[in-house]
Amino acid sequence: MKKAAALFAMLVAMSVRADEAQDVANLARRAALDDRVALYDLGTYYYSGRGVKQDYKKAAALWTKAAEKGSIGARNNLGYLYFEGLGVKRDAARAVVLWKEAAERGHGEAQLHLGNAIFRGVGIAKDEPLGLAWVICAVQSAKNQAIHPETGGGPEILAFAEKEVASMSSAVTGRSFANAKLLAEGLIDMYGRPNWPPTR
């Protein structure tokens, strides 16, 4: 019985790998034609190592092309690569620029990253009320994106953003907290709407 289960597990794994290899091949063909979604998705495969050998440098190159074609999600992901120095030279200031571009287009995860960077003063001047405001905006965007999951974000970003708001709120008190709430209202009005059409 154990041998049959092991064989079944191996066959399933081989089937999944074959399906992923086919997906990668299809995406590579479309990416060669500069298809924005294919560039983004193929970058995700290289970032995660799903169906291909993990390669952050290739992910960065693909997401750069996707971002040039208008992908907001690629800007967010590139920001993360620059922030962490994965496949590119670490550059927190460049990460902040990319996150700001995506955040201003309604990308909840980028709003969260941008808010954290501003709150902590990493790659940009420290401004706790503004950082908190961006994270509050990320909560609203993530709620909206949960309604439209094809736009990215959603429950995972919402949960993390809510925890960050609680943590940051305890550090920002009095007038600074009141300023953060006012700033957040403006950011939500401008950037907290659902991101439609999908922009990965």
C-alpha atoms as a PDB file:
ATOM      1  CA  MET A   1       0.000   0.000   0.000  1.00  0.00           C
ATOM      2  CA  LYS A   2       2.828   2.398   0.869  1.00  0.00           C
ATOM      3  CA  LYS A   3       4.542   1.684  -2.467  1.00  0.00           C
ATOM      4  CA  ALA A   4       1.326   2.397  -4.371  1.00  0.00           C
ATOM      5  CA  ALA A   5       0.848   5.674  -2.487  1.00  0.00           C
ATOM      6  CA  ALA A   6       4.469   6.666  -3.163  1.00  0.00           C
ATOM      7  CA  LEU A   7       4.101   5.800  -6.845  1.00  0.00           C
ATOM      8  CA  PHE A   8       0.852   7.774  -7.050  1.00  0.00           C
ATOM      9  CA  ALA A   9       2.491  10.776  -5.366  1.00  0.00           C
ATOM     10  CA  MET A  10       5.423  10.565  -7.793  1.00  0.00           C
ATOM     11  CA  LEU A  11       3.105  10.370 -10.812  1.00  0.00           C
ATOM     12  CA  VAL A  12       1.070  13.337  -9.571  1.00  0.00           C
ATOM     13  CA  ALA A  13       4.266  15.336  -9.034  1.00  0.00           C
ATOM     14  CA  MET A  14       5.479  14.461 -12.538  1.00  0.00           C
ATOM     15  CA  SER A  15       2.095  15.464 -13.970  1.00  0.00           C
ATOM     16  CA  VAL A  16       2.198  18.806 -12.145  1.00  0.00           C
ATOM     17  CA  ARG A  17       5.762  19.427 -13.370  1.00  0.00           C
ATOM     18  CA  ALA A  18       4.698  18.566 -16.932  1.00  0.00           C
ATOM     19  CA  ASP A  19       1.723  20.951 -16.701  1.00  0.00           C
ATOM     20  CA  GLU A  20       3.945  23.702 -15.306  1.00  0.00           C
ATOM     21  CA  ALA A  21       6.526  23.115 -18.043  1.00  0.00           C
ATOM     22  CA  GLN A  22       3.765  23.485 -20.637  1.00  0.00           C
ATOM     23  CA  ASP A  23       2.543  26.669 -18.917  1.00  0.00           C
ATOM     24  CA  VAL A  24       6.069  28.080 -18.931  1.00  0.00           C
ATOM     25  CA  ALA A  25       6.494  27.237 -22.621  1.00  0.00           C
ATOM     26  CA  ASN A  26       3.187  28.922 -23.497  1.00  0.00           C
ATOM     27  CA  LEU A  27       4.040  31.987 -21.414  1.00  0.00           C
ATOM     28  CA  ALA A  28       7.514  32.201 -22.976  1.00  0.00           C
ATOM     29  CA  ARG A  29       5.990  32.233 -26.479  1.00  0.00           C
ATOM     30  CA  ARG A  30       3.586  35.031 -25.502  1.00  0.00           C
ATOM     31  CA  ALA A  31       6.281  36.935 -23.583  1.00  0.00           C
ATOM     32  CA  ALA A  32       8.476  36.867 -26.710  1.00  0.00           C
ATOM     33  CA  LEU A  33       5.665  38.852 -28.357  1.00  0.00           C
ATOM     34  CA  ASP A  34       5.799  41.383 -25.492  1.00  0.00           C
ATOM     35  CA  ASP A  35       2.450  40.330 -24.037  1.00  0.00           C
ATOM     36  CA  ARG A  36       2.282  42.267 -20.733  1.00  0.00           C
ATOM     37  CA  VAL A  37       0.367  39.601 -18.816  1.00  0.00           C
ATOM     38  CA  ALA A  38       2.661  36.825 -20.069  1.00  0.00           C
ATOM     39  CA  LEU A  39       5.745  38.857 -19.108  1.00  0.00           C
ATOM     40  CA  TYR A  40       4.303  39.375 -15.633  1.00  0.00           C
ATOM     41  CA  ASP A  41       3.230  35.752 -15.170  1.00  0.00           C
ATOM     42  CA  LEU A  42       6.502  34.320 -16.497  1.00  0.00           C
ATOM     43  CA  GLY A  43       8.367  36.624 -14.112  1.00  0.00           C
ATOM     44  CA  THR A  44       6.295  35.129 -11.302  1.00  0.00           C
ATOM     45  CA  TYR A  45       7.320  31.625 -12.344  1.00  0.00           C
ATOM     46  CA  TYR A  46      11.005  32.602 -12.304  1.00  0.00           C
ATOM     47  CA  TYR A  47      10.624  34.422  -8.987  1.00  0.00           C
ATOM     48  CA  SER A  48       9.005  31.424  -7.287  1.00  0.00           C
ATOM     49  CA  GLY A  49      10.924  28.689  -9.107  1.00  0.00           C
ATOM     50  CA  ARG A  50       7.637  27.124 -10.131  1.00  0.00           C
ATOM     51  CA  GLY A  51       8.103  25.084 -13.316  1.00  0.00           C
ATOM     52  CA  VAL A  52      11.578  26.579 -13.876  1.00  0.00           C
ATOM     53  CA  LYS A  53      14.788  27.029 -11.938  1.00  0.00           C
ATOM     54  CA  GLN A  54      14.369  29.990  -9.590  1.00  0.00           C
ATOM     55  CA  ASP A  55      16.071  33.017 -11.137  1.00  0.00           C
ATOM     56  CA  TYR A  56      15.502  36.462  -9.612  1.00  0.00           C
ATOM     57  CA  LYS A  57      17.501  38.152 -12.352  1.00  0.00           C
ATOM     58  CA  LYS A  58      15.186  36.751 -15.046  1.00  0.00           C
ATOM     59  CA  ALA A  59      12.151  37.664 -12.922  1.00  0.00           C
ATOM     60  CA  ALA A  60      13.468  41.230 -12.668  1.00  0.00           C
ATOM     61  CA  ALA A  61      14.063  41.463 -16.432  1.00  0.00           C
ATOM     62  CA  LEU A  62      10.584  40.144 -17.232  1.00  0.00           C
ATOM     63  CA  TRP A  63       8.866  42.377 -14.668  1.00  0.00           C
ATOM     64  CA  THR A  64      10.827  45.370 -15.967  1.00  0.00           C
ATOM     65  CA  LYS A  65       9.441  44.759 -19.455  1.00  0.00           C
ATOM     66  CA  ALA A  66       5.939  44.189 -18.066  1.00  0.00           C
ATOM     67  CA  ALA A  67       6.174  47.434 -16.068  1.00  0.00           C
ATOM     68  CA  GLU A  68       7.263  49.303 -19.198  1.00  0.00           C
ATOM     69  CA  LYS A  69       4.104  47.951 -20.844  1.00  0.00           C
ATOM     70  CA  GLY A  70       1.941  49.270 -17.993  1.00  0.00           C
ATOM     71  CA  SER A  71       1.821  46.452 -15.439  1.00  0.00           C
ATOM     72  CA  ILE A  72       1.204  47.887 -11.994  1.00  0.00           C
ATOM     73  CA  GLY A  73       1.746  44.519 -10.331  1.00  0.00           C
ATOM     74  CA  ALA A  74       5.158  44.281 -12.003  1.00  0.00           C
ATOM     75  CA  ARG A  75       6.096  47.682 -10.546  1.00  0.00           C
ATOM     76  CA  ASN A  76       5.161  46.430  -7.088  1.00  0.00           C
ATOM     77  CA  ASN A  77       7.122  43.207  -7.520  1.00  0.00           C
ATOM     78  CA  LEU A  78      10.150  45.026  -8.925  1.00  0.00           C
ATOM     79  CA  GLY A  79      10.032  47.290  -5.901  1.00  0.00           C
ATOM     80  CA  TYR A  80      10.308  44.242  -3.685  1.00  0.00           C
ATOM     81  CA  LEU A  81      13.273  42.884  -5.680  1.00  0.00           C
ATOM     82  CA  TYR A  82      15.089  46.227  -5.420  1.00  0.00           C
ATOM     83  CA  PHE A  83      14.272  46.538  -1.727  1.00  0.00           C
ATOM     84  CA  GLU A  84      15.658  43.074  -0.969  1.00  0.00           C
ATOM     85  CA  GLY A  85      18.421  43.070  -3.593  1.00  0.00           C
ATOM     86  CA  LEU A  86      17.115  39.951  -5.329  1.00  0.00           C
ATOM     87  CA  GLY A  87      18.394  39.673  -8.919  1.00  0.00           C
ATOM     88  CA  VAL A  88      19.191  43.386  -8.909  1.00  0.00           C
ATOM     89  CA  LYS A  89      21.443  45.640  -6.866  1.00  0.00           C
ATOM     90  CA  ARG A  90      19.752  46.565  -3.577  1.00  0.00           C
ATOM     91  CA  ASP A  91      18.265  50.043  -3.939  1.00  0.00           C
ATOM     92  CA  ALA A  92      15.636  51.005  -1.366  1.00  0.00           C
ATOM     93  CA  ALA A  93      15.091  54.430  -2.965  1.00  0.00           C
ATOM     94  CA  ARG A  94      14.311  52.806  -6.340  1.00  0.00           C
ATOM     95  CA  ALA A  95      11.954  50.395  -4.573  1.00  0.00           C
ATOM     96  CA  VAL A  96      10.089  53.331  -3.041  1.00  0.00           C
ATOM     97  CA  VAL A  97       9.725  55.025  -6.447  1.00  0.00           C
ATOM     98  CA  LEU A  98       8.279  51.836  -7.956  1.00  0.00           C
ATOM     99  CA  TRP A  99       5.935  51.273  -5.019  1.00  0.00           C
ATOM    100  CA  LYS A 100       4.759  54.879  -5.198  1.00  0.00           C
ATOM    101  CA  GLU A 101       3.951  54.522  -8.902  1.00  0.00           C
ATOM    102  CA  ALA A 102       1.928  51.361  -8.218  1.00  0.00           C
ATOM    103  CA  ALA A 103       0.372  52.738  -5.013  1.00  0.00           C
ATOM    104  CA  GLU A 104      -0.918  55.778  -6.854  1.00  0.00           C
ATOM    105  CA  ARG A 105      -2.653  53.431  -9.286  1.00  0.00           C
ATOM    106  CA  GLY A 106      -4.514  51.686  -6.451  1.00  0.00           C
ATOM    107  CA  HIS A 107      -2.266  48.655  -5.851  1.00  0.00           C
ATOM    108  CA  GLY A 108      -2.897  47.669  -2.223  1.00  0.00           C
ATOM    109  CA  GLU A 109       0.297  45.689  -1.685  1.00  0.00           C
ATOM    110  CA  ALA A 110       2.386  48.564  -3.074  1.00  0.00           C
ATOM    111  CA  GLN A 111       0.547  50.957  -0.743  1.00  0.00           C
ATOM    112  CA  LEU A 112       1.443  48.684   2.167  1.00  0.00           C
ATOM    113  CA  HIS A 113       5.137  48.503   1.188  1.00  0.00           C
ATOM    114  CA  LEU A 114       5.296  52.247   0.531  1.00  0.00           C
ATOM    115  CA  GLY A 115       3.660  53.015   3.876  1.00  0.00           C
ATOM    116  CA  ASN A 116       6.110  50.771   5.714  1.00  0.00           C
ATOM    117  CA  ALA A 117       9.093  52.389   3.980  1.00  0.00           C
ATOM    118  CA  ILE A 118       7.872  55.912   4.749  1.00  0.00           C
ATOM    119  CA  PHE A 119       6.950  55.031   8.346  1.00  0.00           C
ATOM    120  CA  ARG A 120      10.425  53.601   8.989  1.00  0.00           C
ATOM    121  CA  GLY A 121      12.369  56.035   6.783  1.00  0.00           C
ATOM    122  CA  VAL A 122      13.894  53.379   4.536  1.00  0.00           C
ATOM    123  CA  GLY A 123      14.683  54.643   1.032  1.00  0.00           C
ATOM    124  CA  ILE A 124      12.770  57.845   1.748  1.00  0.00           C
ATOM    125  CA  ALA A 125      12.508  60.466   4.488  1.00  0.00           C
ATOM    126  CA  LYS A 126      10.800  59.159   7.618  1.00  0.00           C
ATOM    127  CA  ASP A 127       7.249  60.427   8.120  1.00  0.00           C
ATOM    128  CA  GLU A 128       5.233  58.287  10.533  1.00  0.00           C
ATOM    129  CA  PRO A 129       1.822  59.901   9.960  1.00  0.00           C
ATOM    130  CA  LEU A 130       2.155  59.653   6.165  1.00  0.00           C
ATOM    131  CA  GLY A 131       3.445  56.082   6.387  1.00  0.00           C
ATOM    132  CA  LEU A 132       0.522  55.086   8.603  1.00  0.00           C
ATOM    133  CA  ALA A 133      -1.866  56.852   6.213  1.00  0.00           C
ATOM    134  CA  TRP A 134      -0.594  54.791   3.263  1.00  0.00           C
ATOM    135  CA  VAL A 135      -1.032  51.579   5.253  1.00  0.00           C
ATOM    136  CA  ILE A 136      -4.587  52.585   6.207  1.00  0.00           C
ATOM    137  CA  CYS A 137      -5.187  53.211   2.489  1.00  0.00           C
ATOM    138  CA  ALA A 138      -3.757  49.739   1.783  1.00  0.00           C
ATOM    139  CA  VAL A 139      -6.394  48.244   4.090  1.00  0.00           C
ATOM    140  CA  GLN A 140      -9.172  49.876   2.056  1.00  0.00           C
ATOM    141  CA  SER A 141      -7.586  48.906  -1.255  1.00  0.00           C
ATOM    142  CA  ALA A 142      -7.151  45.313  -0.085  1.00  0.00           C
ATOM    143  CA  LYS A 143     -10.829  45.204   0.903  1.00  0.00           C
ATOM    144  CA  ASN A 144     -11.776  46.438  -2.558  1.00  0.00           C
ATOM    145  CA  GLN A 145      -9.376  44.023  -4.218  1.00  0.00           C
ATOM    146  CA  ALA A 146     -10.884  41.125  -2.279  1.00  0.00           C
ATOM    147  CA  ILE A 147     -14.114  41.906  -4.143  1.00  0.00           C
ATOM    148  CA  HIS A 148     -12.178  41.872  -7.458  1.00  0.00           C
ATOM    149  CA  PRO A 149      -9.493  39.190  -6.856  1.00  0.00           C
ATOM    150  CA  GLU A 150      -8.233  39.410 -10.427  1.00  0.00           C
ATOM    151  CA  THR A 151      -6.728  42.795  -9.531  1.00  0.00           C
ATOM    152  CA  GLY A 152      -4.323  41.317  -6.965  1.00  0.00           C
ATOM    153  CA  GLY A 153      -4.066  41.895  -3.247  1.00  0.00           C
ATOM    154  CA  GLY A 154      -6.940  40.576  -1.243  1.00  0.00           C
ATOM    155  CA  PRO A 155      -7.209  38.668   2.024  1.00  0.00           C
ATOM    156  CA  GLU A 156      -3.489  38.103   2.709  1.00  0.00           C
ATOM    157  CA  ILE A 157      -2.605  41.750   2.116  1.00  0.00           C
ATOM    158  CA  LEU A 158      -5.653  42.865   4.100  1.00  0.00           C
ATOM    159  CA  ALA A 159      -4.672  40.779   7.142  1.00  0.00           C
ATOM    160  CA  PHE A 160      -1.078  41.965   7.059  1.00  0.00           C
ATOM    161  CA  ALA A 161      -2.060  45.618   6.519  1.00  0.00           C
ATOM    162  CA  GLU A 162      -4.524  45.500   9.419  1.00  0.00           C
ATOM    163  CA  LYS A 163      -1.765  44.160  11.705  1.00  0.00           C
ATOM    164  CA  GLU A 164       0.573  46.914  10.533  1.00  0.00           C
ATOM    165  CA  VAL A 165      -2.059  49.596  11.193  1.00  0.00           C
ATOM    166  CA  ALA A 166      -2.472  48.299  14.754  1.00  0.00           C
ATOM    167  CA  SER A 167       1.280  48.210  15.326  1.00  0.00           C
ATOM    168  CA  MET A 168       1.924  51.639  13.799  1.00  0.00           C
ATOM    169  CA  SER A 169      -1.068  53.210  15.555  1.00  0.00           C
ATOM    170  CA  SER A 170       0.407  52.344  18.935  1.00  0.00           C
ATOM    171  CA  ALA A 171       3.623  54.178  17.965  1.00  0.00           C
ATOM    172  CA  VAL A 172       1.869  57.279  16.596  1.00  0.00           C
ATOM    173  CA  THR A 173      -0.137  59.220  19.140  1.00  0.00           C
ATOM    174  CA  GLY A 174      -1.929  62.524  19.621  1.00  0.00           C
ATOM    175  CA  ARG A 175      -1.717  65.072  16.844  1.00  0.00           C
ATOM    176  CA  SER A 176       0.373  62.760  14.648  1.00  0.00           C
ATOM    177  CA  PHE A 177      -2.337  60.103  14.783  1.00  0.00           C
ATOM    178  CA  ALA A 178      -5.017  62.682  13.913  1.00  0.00           C
ATOM    179  CA  ASN A 179      -2.876  63.853  10.979  1.00  0.00           C
ATOM    180  CA  ALA A 180      -2.440  60.262   9.803  1.00  0.00           C
ATOM    181  CA  LYS A 181      -6.224  59.730   9.788  1.00  0.00           C
ATOM    182  CA  LEU A 182      -6.776  62.922   7.755  1.00  0.00           C
ATOM    183  CA  LEU A 183      -4.042  62.001   5.311  1.00  0.00           C
ATOM    184  CA  ALA A 184      -5.506  58.487   5.006  1.00  0.00           C
ATOM    185  CA  GLU A 185      -8.926  59.866   4.095  1.00  0.00           C
ATOM    186  CA  GLY A 186      -7.373  61.811   1.232  1.00  0.00           C
ATOM    187  CA  LEU A 187      -5.288  58.866   0.055  1.00  0.00           C
ATOM    188  CA  ILE A 188      -8.282  56.533   0.174  1.00  0.00           C
ATOM    189  CA  ASP A 189     -10.308  59.024  -1.826  1.00  0.00           C
ATOM    190  CA  MET A 190      -7.583  59.263  -4.477  1.00  0.00           C
ATOM    191  CA  TYR A 191      -6.034  55.801  -4.472  1.00  0.00           C
ATOM    192  CA  GLY A 192      -8.166  53.393  -2.430  1.00  0.00           C
ATOM    193  CA  ARG A 193     -10.613  52.505  -5.177  1.00  0.00           C
ATOM    194  CA  PRO A 194     -10.674  49.132  -6.918  1.00  0.00           C
ATOM    195  CA  ASN A 195      -7.950  48.802  -9.485  1.00  0.00           C
ATOM    196  CA  TRP A 196      -9.891  48.068 -12.673  1.00  0.00           C
ATOM    197  CA  PRO A 197      -9.193  46.780 -15.272  1.00  0.00           C
ATOM    198  CA  PRO A 198      -6.718  44.200 -13.967  1.00  0.00           C
ATOM    199  CA  THR A 199      -3.169  45.434 -14.332  1.00  0.00           C
ATOM    200  CA  ARG A 200      -0.837  42.573 -13.618  1.00  0.00           C
END
